[in-house]
N, C-alpha and C. Protein backbone atom coordinates (compact mmCIF):
# COMPACT_ATOMS: atom_id res chain seq x y z
N MET A 1 85.48 -105.58 -36.53
CA MET A 1 86.43 -106.05 -36.18
C MET A 1 86.25 -107.07 -35.05
N GLU A 2 87.65 -107.89 -35.52
CA GLU A 2 87.23 -109.34 -34.38
C GLU A 2 88.68 -108.78 -33.57
N TRP A 3 88.22 -108.23 -32.61
CA TRP A 3 89.00 -107.26 -30.66
C TRP A 3 89.99 -108.34 -30.84
N GLU A 4 89.41 -109.69 -30.45
CA GLU A 4 89.86 -111.10 -28.87
C GLU A 4 90.50 -111.70 -29.86
N GLU A 5 90.65 -111.68 -31.87
CA GLU A 5 91.44 -111.77 -32.44
C GLU A 5 92.62 -111.18 -32.69
N PHE A 6 92.30 -110.20 -32.92
CA PHE A 6 93.54 -108.91 -33.10
C PHE A 6 94.44 -109.08 -31.57
N GLU A 7 94.08 -109.28 -30.54
CA GLU A 7 94.18 -109.13 -29.23
C GLU A 7 94.71 -110.80 -28.99
N ALA A 8 94.80 -111.85 -29.21
CA ALA A 8 95.19 -113.11 -29.11
C ALA A 8 96.74 -112.93 -29.95
N VAL A 9 96.70 -112.39 -32.12
CA VAL A 9 97.73 -112.29 -32.41
C VAL A 9 98.68 -111.39 -32.61
N VAL A 10 98.59 -109.77 -31.37
CA VAL A 10 99.87 -108.72 -31.22
C VAL A 10 99.85 -109.78 -29.37
N TYR A 11 99.57 -110.34 -28.40
CA TYR A 11 100.35 -111.42 -27.49
C TYR A 11 101.19 -112.50 -28.14
N ASP A 12 100.84 -113.01 -28.45
CA ASP A 12 101.42 -114.09 -29.43
C ASP A 12 102.92 -113.55 -29.94
N ALA A 13 102.63 -112.50 -30.94
CA ALA A 13 103.75 -111.68 -31.45
C ALA A 13 104.44 -111.80 -30.21
N LEU A 14 103.90 -110.67 -29.08
CA LEU A 14 104.87 -110.14 -28.08
C LEU A 14 105.69 -111.54 -27.55
N VAL A 15 105.27 -112.72 -26.76
CA VAL A 15 105.58 -113.12 -26.57
C VAL A 15 106.51 -113.62 -27.12
N GLU A 16 106.63 -113.73 -28.55
CA GLU A 16 106.98 -114.62 -29.11
C GLU A 16 108.08 -113.45 -29.26
N SER A 17 108.49 -112.59 -29.61
CA SER A 17 110.07 -110.92 -29.98
C SER A 17 110.69 -111.00 -28.95
N VAL A 18 109.99 -110.58 -27.19
CA VAL A 18 110.71 -110.09 -26.70
C VAL A 18 111.73 -111.66 -25.79
N GLY A 19 110.32 -113.01 -26.38
CA GLY A 19 111.16 -114.52 -25.80
C GLY A 19 112.48 -114.25 -27.55
N SER A 20 112.75 -114.11 -28.16
CA SER A 20 113.80 -113.99 -29.00
C SER A 20 114.82 -113.41 -28.37
N ALA A 21 114.48 -112.15 -28.07
CA ALA A 21 115.53 -111.20 -28.11
C ALA A 21 115.85 -112.04 -27.41
N ILE A 22 115.10 -112.42 -25.97
CA ILE A 22 116.14 -112.57 -24.63
C ILE A 22 117.05 -113.59 -24.90
N ARG A 23 116.59 -115.11 -25.93
CA ARG A 23 117.35 -115.89 -26.44
C ARG A 23 118.10 -115.88 -26.79
N GLU A 24 117.96 -114.80 -27.69
CA GLU A 24 119.93 -114.49 -29.04
C GLU A 24 120.45 -114.15 -28.05
N ARG A 25 120.43 -112.93 -27.13
CA ARG A 25 121.17 -112.36 -26.40
C ARG A 25 121.01 -112.82 -24.39
N PRO A 26 121.87 -114.09 -24.29
CA PRO A 26 121.59 -114.30 -23.44
C PRO A 26 122.72 -113.61 -21.53
N GLU A 27 123.38 -112.89 -22.43
CA GLU A 27 124.01 -112.27 -22.30
C GLU A 27 124.07 -110.65 -21.49
N VAL A 28 123.06 -110.08 -22.01
CA VAL A 28 122.68 -109.45 -21.79
C VAL A 28 121.16 -109.74 -20.67
N ARG A 29 120.55 -108.44 -20.18
CA ARG A 29 119.92 -108.86 -19.03
C ARG A 29 118.45 -107.57 -19.16
N PHE A 30 116.89 -107.93 -19.93
CA PHE A 30 116.42 -107.23 -20.51
C PHE A 30 115.94 -106.95 -18.87
N HIS A 31 114.99 -105.47 -18.99
CA HIS A 31 114.06 -105.30 -17.83
C HIS A 31 112.69 -105.03 -18.23
N ALA A 32 112.77 -104.41 -19.63
CA ALA A 32 111.12 -104.61 -19.33
C ALA A 32 111.03 -104.29 -21.68
N ALA A 33 109.99 -104.50 -21.32
CA ALA A 33 109.73 -104.62 -22.88
C ALA A 33 108.47 -103.72 -23.58
N ALA A 34 108.25 -102.77 -25.10
CA ALA A 34 107.40 -101.26 -24.40
C ALA A 34 106.78 -101.98 -26.31
N LEU A 35 105.20 -101.47 -25.83
CA LEU A 35 104.36 -101.07 -26.98
C LEU A 35 104.76 -99.57 -27.20
N GLY A 36 105.11 -99.06 -28.05
CA GLY A 36 104.95 -97.70 -28.70
C GLY A 36 104.37 -97.16 -29.61
N ARG A 37 105.16 -96.17 -29.68
CA ARG A 37 105.66 -95.25 -31.30
C ARG A 37 103.73 -95.58 -31.90
N ILE A 38 103.35 -95.25 -31.25
CA ILE A 38 101.53 -95.49 -32.15
C ILE A 38 101.24 -93.53 -32.56
N HIS A 39 101.53 -94.21 -33.80
CA HIS A 39 101.00 -93.02 -34.31
C HIS A 39 99.07 -92.17 -34.66
N ARG A 40 98.99 -91.95 -34.59
CA ARG A 40 97.60 -92.48 -35.03
C ARG A 40 96.75 -90.73 -35.88
N LYS A 41 95.85 -90.19 -36.69
CA LYS A 41 95.76 -89.29 -36.80
C LYS A 41 94.01 -88.44 -37.09
N PRO A 42 93.57 -88.45 -35.61
CA PRO A 42 92.25 -88.07 -35.75
C PRO A 42 90.90 -88.38 -36.92
N GLY A 43 90.70 -89.22 -36.78
CA GLY A 43 89.85 -89.45 -37.78
C GLY A 43 90.92 -89.86 -39.07
N GLY A 44 91.77 -89.72 -38.55
CA GLY A 44 92.39 -90.82 -39.83
C GLY A 44 93.12 -92.29 -39.11
N VAL A 45 93.79 -92.67 -39.51
CA VAL A 45 95.04 -93.72 -39.20
C VAL A 45 95.71 -94.12 -38.12
N ILE A 46 95.39 -94.94 -37.26
CA ILE A 46 95.54 -95.14 -35.67
C ILE A 46 96.93 -96.63 -36.62
N ALA A 47 98.20 -96.42 -36.74
CA ALA A 47 99.25 -97.61 -36.66
C ALA A 47 99.49 -98.21 -35.70
N LEU A 48 99.87 -99.28 -36.54
CA LEU A 48 100.04 -101.04 -35.13
C LEU A 48 101.57 -100.26 -34.61
N PRO A 49 101.58 -100.85 -33.28
CA PRO A 49 103.15 -100.41 -32.25
C PRO A 49 104.54 -100.89 -32.72
N SER A 50 105.19 -100.01 -32.09
CA SER A 50 106.45 -100.46 -32.20
C SER A 50 106.80 -101.64 -31.07
N LEU A 51 108.29 -102.06 -31.33
CA LEU A 51 108.37 -103.17 -30.10
C LEU A 51 109.64 -102.70 -29.81
N ALA A 52 110.12 -102.36 -28.40
CA ALA A 52 111.38 -101.23 -27.33
C ALA A 52 111.57 -102.46 -26.33
N LEU A 53 112.63 -102.73 -26.57
CA LEU A 53 113.46 -103.29 -25.36
C LEU A 53 114.08 -101.85 -24.30
N THR A 54 114.31 -103.34 -23.01
CA THR A 54 114.93 -101.93 -22.42
C THR A 54 116.23 -103.19 -21.47
N THR A 55 117.59 -102.28 -21.32
CA THR A 55 118.58 -103.34 -20.65
C THR A 55 118.73 -102.79 -19.76
N GLU A 56 117.84 -101.30 -19.76
CA GLU A 56 118.44 -100.38 -17.84
C GLU A 56 117.11 -100.70 -16.75
N PRO A 57 117.45 -100.82 -16.29
CA PRO A 57 116.49 -100.53 -15.39
C PRO A 57 115.45 -99.74 -14.75
N LEU A 58 114.60 -100.48 -14.75
CA LEU A 58 113.05 -99.09 -14.74
C LEU A 58 113.63 -98.53 -13.50
N GLU A 59 113.44 -97.53 -12.85
CA GLU A 59 113.64 -96.85 -11.25
C GLU A 59 113.00 -95.78 -11.64
N ALA A 60 112.04 -95.69 -10.18
CA ALA A 60 111.37 -94.01 -10.59
C ALA A 60 112.06 -92.98 -10.53
N ARG A 61 111.49 -92.21 -11.14
CA ARG A 61 112.30 -91.02 -12.17
C ARG A 61 112.90 -91.08 -12.59
N ALA A 62 113.58 -91.78 -13.17
CA ALA A 62 114.45 -91.89 -14.20
C ALA A 62 113.97 -91.91 -15.33
N PRO A 63 114.53 -91.86 -16.17
CA PRO A 63 113.72 -91.97 -17.59
C PRO A 63 114.64 -92.82 -18.59
N VAL A 64 114.37 -93.94 -19.17
CA VAL A 64 114.43 -94.84 -19.96
C VAL A 64 115.14 -94.90 -21.34
N ASN A 65 115.48 -95.04 -21.28
CA ASN A 65 116.66 -95.72 -23.29
C ASN A 65 116.03 -96.31 -23.57
N TRP A 66 114.28 -96.20 -24.78
CA TRP A 66 113.54 -97.10 -24.84
C TRP A 66 114.20 -97.85 -25.88
N THR A 67 114.87 -98.48 -26.27
CA THR A 67 115.29 -99.30 -27.93
C THR A 67 114.88 -100.40 -28.89
N TYR A 68 113.98 -99.21 -29.95
CA TYR A 68 113.25 -99.69 -30.59
C TYR A 68 113.45 -101.48 -31.66
N THR A 69 112.89 -102.08 -31.39
CA THR A 69 113.61 -102.58 -32.54
C THR A 69 113.62 -102.15 -34.11
N SER A 70 114.87 -102.54 -34.61
CA SER A 70 115.12 -102.47 -36.00
C SER A 70 113.94 -103.86 -37.08
N THR A 71 114.20 -105.07 -36.47
CA THR A 71 113.15 -105.84 -37.13
C THR A 71 112.24 -105.59 -36.77
N PRO A 72 111.33 -106.17 -37.46
CA PRO A 72 109.69 -106.04 -37.32
C PRO A 72 109.43 -107.21 -36.44
N TRP A 73 108.57 -106.66 -35.24
CA TRP A 73 107.57 -107.73 -34.38
C TRP A 73 106.54 -108.39 -35.18
N LEU A 74 105.81 -108.10 -36.03
CA LEU A 74 105.21 -108.54 -36.63
C LEU A 74 105.07 -109.06 -38.22
N SER A 75 104.68 -109.76 -38.70
CA SER A 75 104.93 -110.24 -40.02
C SER A 75 104.33 -108.98 -40.85
N ALA A 76 104.72 -109.02 -42.38
CA ALA A 76 104.56 -107.84 -43.73
C ALA A 76 103.30 -108.03 -43.46
N ASP A 77 102.86 -109.88 -44.17
CA ASP A 77 101.67 -109.59 -43.93
C ASP A 77 99.70 -109.11 -42.80
N THR A 78 100.44 -109.57 -41.66
CA THR A 78 99.87 -109.35 -40.14
C THR A 78 100.08 -107.94 -40.15
N VAL A 79 100.87 -107.25 -39.99
CA VAL A 79 100.93 -105.79 -40.50
C VAL A 79 99.31 -104.88 -41.30
N LYS A 80 99.99 -105.82 -42.80
CA LYS A 80 99.56 -105.86 -43.91
C LYS A 80 97.39 -105.43 -43.61
N ARG A 81 97.26 -106.45 -42.87
CA ARG A 81 96.02 -107.27 -42.34
C ARG A 81 95.72 -106.37 -41.76
N TRP A 82 95.94 -106.58 -40.32
CA TRP A 82 95.61 -105.38 -39.55
C TRP A 82 94.94 -104.21 -39.57
N GLN A 83 96.36 -103.45 -39.88
CA GLN A 83 96.33 -102.19 -40.80
C GLN A 83 95.34 -101.95 -40.74
N ALA A 84 94.87 -102.88 -42.06
CA ALA A 84 93.52 -102.28 -43.21
C ALA A 84 92.45 -102.47 -42.60
N THR A 85 92.44 -103.39 -41.35
CA THR A 85 90.95 -104.01 -40.57
C THR A 85 90.62 -102.71 -39.40
N LEU A 86 92.34 -102.20 -38.79
CA LEU A 86 91.85 -101.02 -38.53
C LEU A 86 91.08 -100.23 -38.76
N PHE A 87 91.83 -99.90 -40.14
CA PHE A 87 91.38 -98.64 -40.25
C PHE A 87 90.19 -98.01 -40.77
N ALA A 88 89.42 -99.31 -41.04
CA ALA A 88 88.36 -99.91 -41.63
C ALA A 88 87.14 -99.17 -40.61
N GLU A 89 88.30 -100.52 -38.91
CA GLU A 89 87.12 -99.72 -38.35
C GLU A 89 87.04 -98.37 -38.11
N ALA A 90 87.81 -97.86 -37.77
CA ALA A 90 87.95 -96.89 -36.69
C ALA A 90 88.15 -95.69 -38.12
N CYS A 91 87.76 -95.67 -39.34
CA CYS A 91 87.81 -94.63 -40.05
C CYS A 91 86.23 -94.50 -41.39
N GLY A 92 85.19 -95.32 -40.95
CA GLY A 92 84.37 -95.33 -41.59
C GLY A 92 83.40 -94.55 -40.55
N GLY A 93 82.90 -93.66 -39.53
CA GLY A 93 82.56 -92.64 -39.91
C GLY A 93 82.62 -91.42 -39.17
N SER A 94 81.80 -91.38 -37.79
CA SER A 94 81.64 -89.67 -37.32
C SER A 94 83.02 -89.85 -36.24
N PRO A 95 83.16 -89.12 -35.75
CA PRO A 95 84.52 -89.16 -35.62
C PRO A 95 84.59 -89.17 -33.84
N ARG A 96 83.36 -89.83 -32.93
CA ARG A 96 82.95 -90.63 -32.23
C ARG A 96 83.64 -91.92 -32.35
N ARG A 97 83.37 -92.61 -33.84
CA ARG A 97 83.84 -93.58 -34.32
C ARG A 97 85.12 -93.85 -34.65
N TRP A 98 85.95 -93.06 -33.97
CA TRP A 98 87.11 -92.64 -34.72
C TRP A 98 87.41 -93.01 -32.24
N GLU A 99 87.21 -91.87 -32.04
CA GLU A 99 87.28 -92.34 -31.01
C GLU A 99 87.15 -93.86 -29.78
N THR A 100 86.16 -94.37 -30.28
CA THR A 100 86.09 -95.34 -30.20
C THR A 100 87.12 -96.78 -30.66
N ALA A 101 87.24 -96.66 -31.60
CA ALA A 101 87.60 -97.38 -32.33
C ALA A 101 89.52 -97.18 -31.93
N LEU A 102 90.11 -95.89 -30.82
CA LEU A 102 90.86 -95.88 -31.24
C LEU A 102 91.02 -95.86 -28.85
N GLU A 103 89.82 -96.15 -28.33
CA GLU A 103 91.05 -97.09 -26.76
C GLU A 103 89.64 -98.02 -26.97
N ARG A 104 89.12 -98.76 -27.58
CA ARG A 104 89.27 -100.88 -27.63
C ARG A 104 91.08 -101.22 -28.47
N TYR A 105 90.91 -100.38 -28.98
CA TYR A 105 92.42 -100.22 -29.70
C TYR A 105 93.67 -100.64 -28.98
N LEU A 106 94.26 -99.39 -28.09
CA LEU A 106 94.70 -98.82 -27.19
C LEU A 106 94.01 -100.20 -25.45
N ALA A 107 92.97 -100.29 -25.34
CA ALA A 107 92.78 -101.48 -24.44
C ALA A 107 93.51 -103.42 -24.86
N THR A 108 93.31 -103.39 -25.88
CA THR A 108 93.62 -104.49 -26.86
C THR A 108 94.81 -104.63 -26.44
N LEU A 109 95.03 -103.97 -27.22
CA LEU A 109 96.77 -103.50 -26.30
C LEU A 109 97.22 -104.31 -25.16
N ALA A 110 96.96 -102.83 -24.52
CA ALA A 110 96.93 -103.17 -22.27
C ALA A 110 97.09 -104.42 -22.86
N ARG A 111 95.61 -105.11 -22.57
CA ARG A 111 95.55 -106.59 -22.43
C ARG A 111 96.47 -107.55 -23.08
N ALA A 112 96.88 -107.18 -24.05
CA ALA A 112 98.11 -108.10 -24.61
C ALA A 112 99.09 -108.12 -23.79
N CYS A 113 99.90 -106.41 -23.45
CA CYS A 113 100.72 -106.68 -21.95
C CYS A 113 100.66 -107.38 -21.75
N LYS A 114 99.90 -107.09 -20.60
CA LYS A 114 99.40 -107.53 -19.32
C LYS A 114 99.52 -109.52 -19.34
N GLY A 115 99.14 -109.95 -20.38
CA GLY A 115 98.78 -111.81 -21.42
C GLY A 115 100.39 -111.47 -20.58
N ALA A 116 101.26 -111.23 -21.66
CA ALA A 116 102.15 -111.32 -22.57
C ALA A 116 103.23 -111.31 -20.98
N ARG A 117 103.17 -110.44 -20.54
CA ARG A 117 103.81 -110.77 -19.33
C ARG A 117 103.50 -111.83 -18.66
N HIS A 118 102.33 -112.19 -17.99
CA HIS A 118 102.68 -112.75 -17.33
C HIS A 118 102.21 -114.04 -17.12
N THR A 119 102.73 -115.20 -19.17
CA THR A 119 103.32 -115.89 -19.98
C THR A 119 104.44 -116.00 -20.24
N LEU A 120 105.43 -115.18 -19.68
CA LEU A 120 106.66 -114.71 -19.68
C LEU A 120 107.69 -115.00 -18.57
N ARG A 121 106.92 -114.54 -17.60
CA ARG A 121 107.00 -115.35 -16.48
C ARG A 121 107.22 -116.45 -15.52
N ALA A 122 105.63 -116.63 -15.90
CA ALA A 122 105.19 -118.64 -15.67
C ALA A 122 106.28 -119.16 -16.00
N HIS A 123 107.16 -119.02 -17.88
CA HIS A 123 107.31 -119.77 -18.38
C HIS A 123 109.02 -119.96 -18.05
N ARG A 124 109.02 -118.16 -17.53
CA ARG A 124 110.97 -117.85 -16.87
C ARG A 124 111.20 -118.13 -17.89
N VAL A 125 110.47 -117.15 -18.65
CA VAL A 125 111.80 -116.09 -19.81
C VAL A 125 112.16 -114.89 -19.42
N THR A 126 111.59 -114.71 -18.29
CA THR A 126 112.15 -113.56 -16.98
C THR A 126 111.85 -113.60 -16.01
N GLY A 127 112.10 -112.42 -15.91
CA GLY A 127 111.63 -112.58 -13.83
C GLY A 127 111.41 -111.93 -13.52
N ARG A 128 111.11 -112.14 -12.62
CA ARG A 128 109.94 -111.56 -11.87
C ARG A 128 109.86 -110.24 -12.55
N ASP A 129 110.31 -109.32 -11.81
CA ASP A 129 110.82 -107.50 -11.52
C ASP A 129 110.40 -107.33 -13.19
N PHE A 130 110.90 -107.72 -14.48
CA PHE A 130 109.76 -107.59 -15.30
C PHE A 130 109.08 -107.06 -16.25
N VAL A 131 108.48 -106.51 -17.01
CA VAL A 131 107.50 -105.53 -17.42
C VAL A 131 107.00 -105.23 -18.55
N VAL A 132 106.19 -105.21 -18.43
CA VAL A 132 105.60 -105.09 -20.43
C VAL A 132 104.94 -103.67 -20.36
N LEU A 133 104.90 -102.35 -20.54
CA LEU A 133 104.07 -101.57 -21.10
C LEU A 133 103.97 -101.69 -22.51
N LEU A 134 102.88 -100.24 -22.37
CA LEU A 134 102.03 -99.61 -23.33
C LEU A 134 102.13 -98.72 -23.09
N LEU A 135 103.04 -97.71 -23.70
CA LEU A 135 103.87 -96.17 -24.07
C LEU A 135 102.76 -95.47 -25.25
N ASP A 136 101.76 -94.71 -24.60
CA ASP A 136 101.74 -93.34 -25.10
C ASP A 136 101.62 -91.70 -24.15
N ASP A 137 102.16 -91.29 -24.94
CA ASP A 137 101.84 -90.16 -24.45
C ASP A 137 101.04 -88.81 -24.28
N GLN A 138 99.91 -89.41 -24.57
CA GLN A 138 98.45 -88.95 -24.08
C GLN A 138 98.18 -90.04 -23.30
N PHE A 139 98.16 -90.81 -23.04
CA PHE A 139 97.10 -92.03 -22.02
C PHE A 139 97.96 -92.84 -21.75
N ARG A 140 98.81 -91.61 -21.12
CA ARG A 140 100.26 -92.39 -20.24
C ARG A 140 99.26 -93.45 -18.80
N GLU A 141 99.05 -92.09 -18.29
CA GLU A 141 98.41 -92.66 -16.71
C GLU A 141 97.61 -93.87 -17.07
N SER A 142 97.18 -93.84 -17.38
CA SER A 142 95.86 -95.39 -17.74
C SER A 142 96.77 -95.99 -17.98
N LEU A 143 97.43 -95.95 -19.97
CA LEU A 143 97.67 -96.78 -19.70
C LEU A 143 98.77 -98.10 -18.66
N ILE A 144 99.43 -97.49 -18.39
CA ILE A 144 99.94 -97.68 -17.12
C ILE A 144 98.95 -98.89 -16.55
N ARG A 145 98.27 -98.16 -15.44
CA ARG A 145 97.14 -98.90 -14.91
C ARG A 145 97.06 -99.51 -15.33
N GLN A 146 96.61 -99.54 -16.07
CA GLN A 146 96.05 -101.51 -16.97
C GLN A 146 96.95 -102.61 -16.63
N VAL A 147 98.18 -102.27 -17.51
CA VAL A 147 99.16 -102.95 -17.60
C VAL A 147 99.96 -103.63 -16.56
N LEU A 148 100.05 -102.92 -15.54
CA LEU A 148 100.33 -102.97 -14.18
C LEU A 148 99.66 -103.29 -13.04
N PRO A 149 100.12 -103.91 -12.45
CA PRO A 149 99.01 -104.51 -11.25
C PRO A 149 100.00 -102.74 -10.74
N VAL A 150 99.03 -102.63 -8.83
CA VAL A 150 99.14 -101.65 -8.20
C VAL A 150 101.32 -101.43 -7.71
N SER A 151 101.04 -102.35 -7.31
CA SER A 151 102.55 -102.28 -6.35
C SER A 151 104.13 -102.30 -7.11
N ASP A 152 103.51 -102.24 -9.05
CA ASP A 152 104.16 -101.92 -9.95
C ASP A 152 103.90 -100.23 -9.97
N VAL A 153 102.31 -100.71 -10.42
CA VAL A 153 102.46 -98.69 -10.51
C VAL A 153 103.07 -97.76 -9.52
N ARG A 154 102.98 -98.04 -8.11
CA ARG A 154 104.33 -97.26 -7.21
C ARG A 154 105.96 -97.63 -6.94
N ARG A 155 106.10 -98.91 -7.47
CA ARG A 155 107.88 -98.85 -7.36
C ARG A 155 108.89 -98.43 -8.77
N LEU A 156 107.42 -98.39 -9.38
CA LEU A 156 107.83 -98.28 -11.00
C LEU A 156 107.70 -96.43 -11.72
N PHE A 157 105.85 -96.10 -11.00
CA PHE A 157 105.52 -95.19 -11.23
C PHE A 157 105.31 -93.91 -9.82
N PRO A 158 105.85 -93.90 -8.51
CA PRO A 158 105.89 -93.29 -8.01
C PRO A 158 104.79 -92.18 -7.71
N ASP A 159 105.46 -91.22 -9.04
CA ASP A 159 104.54 -90.18 -9.37
C ASP A 159 102.94 -90.32 -9.73
N LEU A 160 102.50 -91.62 -9.78
CA LEU A 160 101.46 -91.92 -10.18
C LEU A 160 100.58 -93.01 -8.96
N ASP A 161 101.15 -92.31 -8.22
CA ASP A 161 100.48 -93.18 -6.67
C ASP A 161 100.12 -91.95 -5.82
N PRO A 162 98.38 -91.38 -5.34
CA PRO A 162 98.29 -90.74 -5.34
C PRO A 162 98.70 -90.50 -3.70
N ARG A 163 98.89 -91.61 -3.09
CA ARG A 163 99.01 -91.47 -1.54
C ARG A 163 100.45 -91.00 -1.55
N PRO A 164 101.62 -90.80 -2.04
CA PRO A 164 102.46 -89.86 -1.60
C PRO A 164 101.81 -88.70 -1.29
N THR A 165 101.19 -88.10 -1.61
CA THR A 165 101.52 -87.10 -2.18
C THR A 165 99.53 -86.81 -1.09
N ALA A 166 98.88 -87.05 -1.13
CA ALA A 166 98.28 -86.79 0.63
C ALA A 166 99.31 -87.08 1.70
N LEU A 167 99.72 -87.85 1.59
CA LEU A 167 100.63 -88.44 2.97
C LEU A 167 101.46 -86.55 2.78
N THR A 168 101.88 -86.41 2.21
CA THR A 168 103.07 -85.55 2.57
C THR A 168 102.51 -83.84 1.55
N ALA A 169 101.49 -83.71 1.71
CA ALA A 169 100.45 -82.37 1.26
C ALA A 169 101.68 -81.23 2.20
N PRO A 170 101.15 -79.62 1.81
CA PRO A 170 101.43 -79.33 1.80
C PRO A 170 100.96 -78.99 3.35
N GLY A 171 100.73 -78.60 4.39
CA GLY A 171 99.98 -78.01 5.20
C GLY A 171 99.76 -79.91 6.11
N ARG A 172 99.80 -80.11 5.56
CA ARG A 172 99.84 -81.63 6.81
C ARG A 172 100.55 -81.26 8.00
N PRO A 173 100.22 -81.78 8.69
CA PRO A 173 101.18 -82.35 9.62
C PRO A 173 102.53 -82.72 9.55
N THR A 174 103.79 -83.30 9.66
CA THR A 174 104.97 -84.05 9.67
C THR A 174 104.06 -85.42 10.84
N HIS A 175 105.05 -86.23 10.51
CA HIS A 175 104.82 -87.34 12.27
C HIS A 175 105.51 -86.89 13.77
N ALA A 176 105.89 -86.16 13.53
CA ALA A 176 107.13 -85.72 14.50
C ALA A 176 105.92 -84.32 14.91
N GLU A 177 105.59 -83.47 13.84
CA GLU A 177 104.37 -82.74 14.31
C GLU A 177 102.10 -82.80 14.89
N ARG A 178 102.94 -83.95 14.62
CA ARG A 178 101.33 -85.10 14.85
C ARG A 178 101.76 -85.53 16.50
N ALA A 179 103.12 -86.28 16.21
CA ALA A 179 102.45 -86.35 17.44
C ALA A 179 103.20 -85.28 19.19
N SER A 180 104.01 -84.45 18.62
CA SER A 180 103.60 -83.55 19.52
C SER A 180 102.58 -83.04 19.92
N MET A 181 101.73 -82.90 19.01
CA MET A 181 100.18 -82.60 19.27
C MET A 181 99.44 -83.86 20.80
N TRP A 182 99.95 -85.15 20.88
CA TRP A 182 99.28 -85.68 21.60
C TRP A 182 100.64 -85.93 22.93
N ARG A 183 101.45 -84.69 23.09
CA ARG A 183 101.89 -84.73 24.79
C ARG A 183 101.11 -84.08 25.81
N PRO A 184 100.76 -84.68 27.20
CA PRO A 184 100.71 -84.67 27.70
C PRO A 184 100.94 -83.47 28.13
N ASN A 185 100.11 -82.46 28.78
CA ASN A 185 100.85 -80.96 29.06
C ASN A 185 101.47 -80.94 29.78
N SER A 186 102.70 -80.54 30.10
CA SER A 186 103.10 -80.09 31.28
C SER A 186 102.91 -79.79 32.41
N THR A 187 101.89 -78.04 32.15
CA THR A 187 100.79 -77.86 33.37
C THR A 187 99.72 -77.74 34.01
N PRO A 188 99.12 -77.68 35.46
CA PRO A 188 98.15 -78.51 35.63
C PRO A 188 97.54 -77.55 35.21
């Protein structure tokens, strides 16, 4: 499979589809786009993702109502070609080959999402806080980390930031408790 070509196709379609949605509805403020609903059957088909947009702000720990587009974001010919190519790549051998194909597929989609976000921001189609995500329940954390810079992971997904749990873990003294340990003794 030509992974670089596939990445370019996904990137181009993502930039065009998100840009079109924003241009068609200038009165609406979109906060994020995501590729998701990646159907797969171990050892079998790995489907191309669906595109979703949200007009809700992404807030830490708040669920987002993703609205998947009803219009295709990839042409029918593109879907047919890449679905067949992906099927041949994933289903042409052992279970390990399928797993490797899925890993490469997700990594390729993640790079396309990251690139699309950069392009949309650079051309001022979207604002600085707009993100493009790759959503998958099984690989949620790793995909979010691949797509977003650390600062956005901390801001939008604090549950994925190890720092807060380490600083507030049970049994660790609070700032006030640590400060009281350093008070000079009042007894001689």
